[in-house]
Amino acid sequence: MARALGASTREIDIVGRMGGDEFIVVVRDEDLAGARLIAERIRRAVVDCDLAKLLGKDVLGNVTASIGIAQYQKGNTIAELYERADRCLFQAKAKGRNQVVAETPIKRDNAA
C-alpha cells in the first residue's frame, strides 16, 4: 500500500494512515478535477499492486480502493473537511466500492 500511494502521489502531497485500512492524502495546489486524477491514479495503483497474489487470496482476497474527495474551503476546520471527505468515501463504498467519489464543486458567485 505504501508503495502504491508513494508512486501515485507527488512530492508536495501528504500521505498518512488514519488507522486500519484507511489512509488520507492531502493533495496540495489542485482543484477537484486534479485531485480526482490523482485519486484515480491511486485507485488503479492499489488494484494493480495485487496484494492478494503476494499474501494469498485466503489471507486477503481482492484488494480495491474506495476514495472520497473533498476540497478545502476558506474557514473550514480540519474536522469539517474530513467529514465531507468521509461522506464521499461512504458514497463510493455504497455505490459498489473500487471507485472515486468527489463532492460537488461549490459554485462561486463572481458578482458578489
N, C-alpha and C. Protein backbone atom coordinates (compact mmCIF):
# COMPACT_ATOMS: atom_id res chain seq x y z
N MET A 1 0.83 -1.19 0.00
CA MET A 1 0.00 0.00 0.00
C MET A 1 0.87 1.25 0.00
N ALA A 2 1.90 1.24 0.81
CA ALA A 2 2.78 2.41 0.87
C ALA A 2 3.42 2.65 -0.48
N ARG A 3 3.82 1.60 -1.15
CA ARG A 3 4.44 1.74 -2.47
C ARG A 3 3.43 2.31 -3.47
N ALA A 4 2.21 1.81 -3.45
CA ALA A 4 1.17 2.29 -4.37
C ALA A 4 0.86 3.76 -4.12
N LEU A 5 0.74 4.13 -2.85
CA LEU A 5 0.46 5.52 -2.51
C LEU A 5 1.64 6.43 -2.88
N GLY A 6 2.84 5.99 -2.58
CA GLY A 6 4.02 6.79 -2.88
C GLY A 6 4.21 7.00 -4.37
N ALA A 7 3.93 5.96 -5.16
CA ALA A 7 4.12 6.05 -6.61
C ALA A 7 3.02 6.88 -7.28
N SER A 8 1.90 7.05 -6.61
CA SER A 8 0.74 7.72 -7.23
C SER A 8 0.58 9.17 -6.81
N THR A 9 1.36 9.61 -5.85
CA THR A 9 1.23 10.98 -5.36
C THR A 9 2.49 11.78 -5.71
N ARG A 10 2.40 13.07 -5.49
CA ARG A 10 3.52 13.96 -5.80
C ARG A 10 4.30 14.27 -4.52
N GLU A 11 5.49 14.80 -4.68
CA GLU A 11 6.32 15.13 -3.51
C GLU A 11 5.65 16.13 -2.58
N ILE A 12 4.81 17.01 -3.11
CA ILE A 12 4.18 18.03 -2.27
C ILE A 12 2.93 17.52 -1.56
N ASP A 13 2.46 16.33 -1.92
CA ASP A 13 1.28 15.75 -1.28
C ASP A 13 1.69 15.11 0.05
N ILE A 14 0.73 15.00 0.95
CA ILE A 14 0.98 14.42 2.27
C ILE A 14 0.17 13.14 2.37
N VAL A 15 0.84 12.03 2.68
CA VAL A 15 0.18 10.73 2.79
C VAL A 15 0.28 10.26 4.23
N GLY A 16 -0.83 9.80 4.77
CA GLY A 16 -0.82 9.30 6.14
C GLY A 16 -1.83 8.17 6.32
N ARG A 17 -1.65 7.43 7.37
CA ARG A 17 -2.57 6.33 7.69
C ARG A 17 -3.48 6.79 8.81
N MET A 18 -4.78 6.68 8.58
CA MET A 18 -5.77 7.08 9.59
C MET A 18 -5.96 5.97 10.61
N GLY A 19 -5.73 4.75 10.20
CA GLY A 19 -5.93 3.60 11.07
C GLY A 19 -6.58 2.48 10.29
N GLY A 20 -6.28 1.25 10.65
CA GLY A 20 -6.86 0.12 9.94
C GLY A 20 -6.52 0.18 8.47
N ASP A 21 -7.56 0.14 7.65
CA ASP A 21 -7.35 0.16 6.20
C ASP A 21 -7.68 1.52 5.59
N GLU A 22 -7.68 2.56 6.40
CA GLU A 22 -7.98 3.90 5.90
C GLU A 22 -6.74 4.78 5.88
N PHE A 23 -6.55 5.43 4.75
CA PHE A 23 -5.42 6.33 4.54
C PHE A 23 -5.97 7.70 4.16
N ILE A 24 -5.14 8.72 4.32
CA ILE A 24 -5.52 10.07 3.92
C ILE A 24 -4.40 10.63 3.05
N VAL A 25 -4.80 11.33 2.01
CA VAL A 25 -3.84 12.01 1.15
C VAL A 25 -4.28 13.46 1.05
N VAL A 26 -3.41 14.36 1.44
CA VAL A 26 -3.68 15.79 1.30
C VAL A 26 -3.00 16.22 0.00
N VAL A 27 -3.83 16.57 -0.96
CA VAL A 27 -3.36 16.98 -2.28
C VAL A 27 -3.31 18.49 -2.30
N ARG A 28 -2.12 19.02 -2.50
CA ARG A 28 -1.94 20.47 -2.44
C ARG A 28 -1.97 21.07 -3.85
N ASP A 29 -2.45 22.30 -3.90
CA ASP A 29 -2.40 23.09 -5.14
C ASP A 29 -3.11 22.42 -6.31
N GLU A 30 -4.26 21.81 -6.06
CA GLU A 30 -5.07 21.20 -7.12
C GLU A 30 -6.53 21.53 -6.89
N ASP A 31 -7.29 21.62 -7.98
CA ASP A 31 -8.73 21.74 -7.86
C ASP A 31 -9.31 20.33 -7.76
N LEU A 32 -10.64 20.21 -7.71
CA LEU A 32 -11.26 18.89 -7.56
C LEU A 32 -10.94 17.98 -8.74
N ALA A 33 -10.89 18.55 -9.95
CA ALA A 33 -10.59 17.73 -11.14
C ALA A 33 -9.18 17.16 -11.05
N GLY A 34 -8.22 17.97 -10.64
CA GLY A 34 -6.85 17.49 -10.48
C GLY A 34 -6.74 16.46 -9.37
N ALA A 35 -7.45 16.69 -8.27
CA ALA A 35 -7.44 15.73 -7.15
C ALA A 35 -8.07 14.42 -7.59
N ARG A 36 -9.10 14.49 -8.43
CA ARG A 36 -9.75 13.27 -8.93
C ARG A 36 -8.77 12.45 -9.77
N LEU A 37 -7.97 13.11 -10.60
CA LEU A 37 -6.97 12.40 -11.41
C LEU A 37 -5.96 11.68 -10.52
N ILE A 38 -5.51 12.36 -9.49
CA ILE A 38 -4.56 11.74 -8.55
C ILE A 38 -5.23 10.57 -7.83
N ALA A 39 -6.47 10.75 -7.41
CA ALA A 39 -7.21 9.68 -6.73
C ALA A 39 -7.39 8.47 -7.63
N GLU A 40 -7.69 8.69 -8.90
CA GLU A 40 -7.84 7.57 -9.84
C GLU A 40 -6.50 6.86 -10.02
N ARG A 41 -5.43 7.61 -10.05
CA ARG A 41 -4.10 7.02 -10.17
C ARG A 41 -3.82 6.14 -8.94
N ILE A 42 -4.19 6.63 -7.77
CA ILE A 42 -4.02 5.85 -6.53
C ILE A 42 -4.86 4.59 -6.59
N ARG A 43 -6.12 4.74 -6.98
CA ARG A 43 -7.04 3.60 -7.04
C ARG A 43 -6.50 2.50 -7.95
N ARG A 44 -6.06 2.90 -9.13
CA ARG A 44 -5.51 1.91 -10.08
C ARG A 44 -4.23 1.26 -9.53
N ALA A 45 -3.38 2.06 -8.89
CA ALA A 45 -2.13 1.51 -8.34
C ALA A 45 -2.41 0.49 -7.25
N VAL A 46 -3.41 0.74 -6.42
CA VAL A 46 -3.76 -0.20 -5.36
C VAL A 46 -4.28 -1.51 -5.97
N VAL A 47 -5.16 -1.39 -6.94
CA VAL A 47 -5.70 -2.59 -7.59
C VAL A 47 -4.59 -3.36 -8.32
N ASP A 48 -3.69 -2.62 -8.98
CA ASP A 48 -2.63 -3.26 -9.76
C ASP A 48 -1.53 -3.87 -8.92
N CYS A 49 -1.39 -3.45 -7.65
CA CYS A 49 -0.29 -3.98 -6.84
C CYS A 49 -0.52 -5.44 -6.46
N ASP A 50 -1.75 -5.93 -6.61
CA ASP A 50 -2.08 -7.34 -6.44
C ASP A 50 -1.54 -7.93 -5.14
N LEU A 51 -1.95 -7.34 -4.03
CA LEU A 51 -1.54 -7.83 -2.71
C LEU A 51 -2.05 -9.24 -2.44
N ALA A 52 -3.20 -9.59 -3.02
CA ALA A 52 -3.74 -10.92 -2.81
C ALA A 52 -2.79 -11.97 -3.36
N LYS A 53 -2.17 -11.67 -4.49
CA LYS A 53 -1.20 -12.60 -5.08
C LYS A 53 0.03 -12.73 -4.17
N LEU A 54 0.43 -11.61 -3.60
CA LEU A 54 1.60 -11.58 -2.73
C LEU A 54 1.37 -12.35 -1.42
N LEU A 55 0.21 -12.11 -0.81
CA LEU A 55 -0.08 -12.70 0.51
C LEU A 55 -0.96 -13.94 0.46
N GLY A 56 -1.59 -14.16 -0.68
CA GLY A 56 -2.50 -15.28 -0.82
C GLY A 56 -3.95 -14.83 -0.67
N LYS A 57 -4.80 -15.28 -1.59
CA LYS A 57 -6.21 -14.86 -1.58
C LYS A 57 -6.93 -15.26 -0.30
N ASP A 58 -6.53 -16.38 0.30
CA ASP A 58 -7.17 -16.81 1.54
C ASP A 58 -6.85 -15.86 2.69
N VAL A 59 -5.74 -15.13 2.60
CA VAL A 59 -5.37 -14.16 3.63
C VAL A 59 -6.05 -12.82 3.38
N LEU A 60 -6.10 -12.40 2.13
CA LEU A 60 -6.50 -11.04 1.84
C LEU A 60 -7.72 -10.89 0.94
N GLY A 61 -7.89 -11.75 -0.03
CA GLY A 61 -8.94 -11.56 -1.02
C GLY A 61 -8.56 -10.46 -1.98
N ASN A 62 -9.50 -10.01 -2.79
CA ASN A 62 -9.22 -8.94 -3.74
C ASN A 62 -9.07 -7.61 -3.03
N VAL A 63 -8.10 -6.83 -3.46
CA VAL A 63 -7.86 -5.52 -2.86
C VAL A 63 -8.31 -4.45 -3.82
N THR A 64 -9.15 -3.55 -3.32
CA THR A 64 -9.63 -2.43 -4.12
C THR A 64 -9.48 -1.16 -3.28
N ALA A 65 -9.76 -0.03 -3.91
CA ALA A 65 -9.69 1.25 -3.19
C ALA A 65 -10.94 2.06 -3.46
N SER A 66 -11.60 2.45 -2.40
CA SER A 66 -12.72 3.39 -2.47
C SER A 66 -12.19 4.71 -1.93
N ILE A 67 -12.43 5.79 -2.68
CA ILE A 67 -11.83 7.07 -2.33
C ILE A 67 -12.87 8.17 -2.33
N GLY A 68 -12.84 8.99 -1.27
CA GLY A 68 -13.70 10.17 -1.18
C GLY A 68 -12.85 11.43 -1.25
N ILE A 69 -13.33 12.42 -2.00
CA ILE A 69 -12.58 13.67 -2.18
C ILE A 69 -13.41 14.86 -1.74
N ALA A 70 -12.81 15.70 -0.93
CA ALA A 70 -13.41 16.98 -0.53
C ALA A 70 -12.36 18.07 -0.71
N GLN A 71 -12.81 19.26 -1.03
CA GLN A 71 -11.89 20.38 -1.24
C GLN A 71 -12.00 21.37 -0.09
N TYR A 72 -10.85 21.79 0.40
CA TYR A 72 -10.81 22.79 1.47
C TYR A 72 -11.47 24.07 0.99
N GLN A 73 -12.32 24.62 1.84
CA GLN A 73 -12.95 25.91 1.59
C GLN A 73 -12.52 26.85 2.70
N LYS A 74 -12.29 28.09 2.36
CA LYS A 74 -11.83 29.07 3.34
C LYS A 74 -12.71 29.02 4.59
N GLY A 75 -12.06 28.92 5.73
CA GLY A 75 -12.78 28.88 7.01
C GLY A 75 -13.08 27.48 7.50
N ASN A 76 -12.85 26.44 6.67
CA ASN A 76 -13.09 25.07 7.11
C ASN A 76 -12.16 24.68 8.24
N THR A 77 -12.67 23.89 9.16
CA THR A 77 -11.81 23.24 10.14
C THR A 77 -11.36 21.91 9.52
N ILE A 78 -10.33 21.32 10.08
CA ILE A 78 -9.87 20.01 9.62
C ILE A 78 -11.02 19.00 9.78
N ALA A 79 -11.74 19.08 10.88
CA ALA A 79 -12.84 18.15 11.13
C ALA A 79 -13.93 18.27 10.07
N GLU A 80 -14.26 19.49 9.66
CA GLU A 80 -15.28 19.68 8.62
C GLU A 80 -14.84 19.10 7.28
N LEU A 81 -13.59 19.36 6.94
CA LEU A 81 -13.06 18.84 5.69
C LEU A 81 -13.04 17.31 5.70
N TYR A 82 -12.57 16.74 6.80
CA TYR A 82 -12.53 15.29 6.93
C TYR A 82 -13.93 14.69 6.86
N GLU A 83 -14.90 15.32 7.51
CA GLU A 83 -16.28 14.82 7.49
C GLU A 83 -16.84 14.78 6.07
N ARG A 84 -16.58 15.81 5.29
CA ARG A 84 -17.07 15.85 3.91
C ARG A 84 -16.38 14.78 3.05
N ALA A 85 -15.08 14.61 3.24
CA ALA A 85 -14.35 13.56 2.50
C ALA A 85 -14.87 12.18 2.91
N ASP A 86 -15.15 12.00 4.20
CA ASP A 86 -15.65 10.73 4.70
C ASP A 86 -17.03 10.41 4.12
N ARG A 87 -17.87 11.43 3.96
CA ARG A 87 -19.19 11.22 3.33
C ARG A 87 -19.02 10.73 1.89
N CYS A 88 -18.06 11.32 1.17
CA CYS A 88 -17.79 10.89 -0.20
C CYS A 88 -17.25 9.47 -0.22
N LEU A 89 -16.40 9.13 0.73
CA LEU A 89 -15.88 7.77 0.84
C LEU A 89 -17.04 6.79 1.07
N PHE A 90 -17.96 7.13 1.96
CA PHE A 90 -19.11 6.27 2.24
C PHE A 90 -19.94 6.07 0.97
N GLN A 91 -20.11 7.14 0.17
CA GLN A 91 -20.85 7.02 -1.09
C GLN A 91 -20.14 6.08 -2.05
N ALA A 92 -18.81 6.18 -2.13
CA ALA A 92 -18.04 5.29 -3.01
C ALA A 92 -18.24 3.83 -2.60
N LYS A 93 -18.24 3.58 -1.30
CA LYS A 93 -18.46 2.21 -0.82
C LYS A 93 -19.89 1.76 -1.10
N ALA A 94 -20.86 2.65 -0.88
CA ALA A 94 -22.27 2.31 -1.09
C ALA A 94 -22.58 2.05 -2.56
N LYS A 95 -21.84 2.68 -3.45
CA LYS A 95 -22.06 2.51 -4.89
C LYS A 95 -21.38 1.26 -5.44
N GLY A 96 -20.75 0.47 -4.59
CA GLY A 96 -20.15 -0.78 -5.04
C GLY A 96 -18.66 -0.87 -4.86
N ARG A 97 -18.06 0.11 -4.25
CA ARG A 97 -16.62 0.11 -3.94
C ARG A 97 -15.76 0.24 -5.20
N ASN A 98 -14.44 0.34 -4.96
CA ASN A 98 -13.44 0.46 -6.02
C ASN A 98 -13.74 1.61 -6.98
N GLN A 99 -14.00 2.78 -6.41
CA GLN A 99 -14.26 3.96 -7.22
C GLN A 99 -13.96 5.23 -6.44
N VAL A 100 -13.94 6.33 -7.16
CA VAL A 100 -13.68 7.64 -6.59
C VAL A 100 -14.96 8.44 -6.61
N VAL A 101 -15.30 9.07 -5.49
CA VAL A 101 -16.44 9.98 -5.42
C VAL A 101 -15.94 11.31 -4.86
N ALA A 102 -16.19 12.36 -5.61
CA ALA A 102 -15.80 13.71 -5.17
C ALA A 102 -17.05 14.51 -4.86
N GLU A 103 -16.91 15.43 -3.90
CA GLU A 103 -18.03 16.31 -3.61
C GLU A 103 -18.27 17.21 -4.81
N THR A 104 -19.47 17.75 -4.90
CA THR A 104 -19.81 18.68 -5.97
C THR A 104 -19.09 19.99 -5.71
N PRO A 105 -18.43 20.52 -6.73
CA PRO A 105 -17.73 21.80 -6.52
C PRO A 105 -18.70 22.89 -6.08
N ILE A 106 -18.23 23.75 -5.20
CA ILE A 106 -19.05 24.87 -4.75
C ILE A 106 -19.00 25.94 -5.82
N LYS A 107 -20.19 26.36 -6.26
CA LYS A 107 -20.25 27.42 -7.27
C LYS A 107 -20.02 28.75 -6.61
N ARG A 108 -19.14 29.51 -7.18
CA ARG A 108 -18.84 30.82 -6.64
C ARG A 108 -19.57 31.89 -7.44
N ASP A 109 -20.18 32.80 -6.76
CA ASP A 109 -20.88 33.91 -7.40
C ASP A 109 -19.88 35.04 -7.60
N ASN A 110 -19.48 35.27 -8.83
CA ASN A 110 -18.49 36.31 -9.11
C ASN A 110 -19.05 37.72 -8.97
N ALA A 111 -20.36 37.82 -8.90
CA ALA A 111 -20.99 39.14 -8.78
C ALA A 111 -20.88 39.70 -7.38
N ALA A 112 -20.63 38.83 -6.40
CA ALA A 112 -20.59 39.29 -5.01
C ALA A 112 -19.35 40.05 -4.71
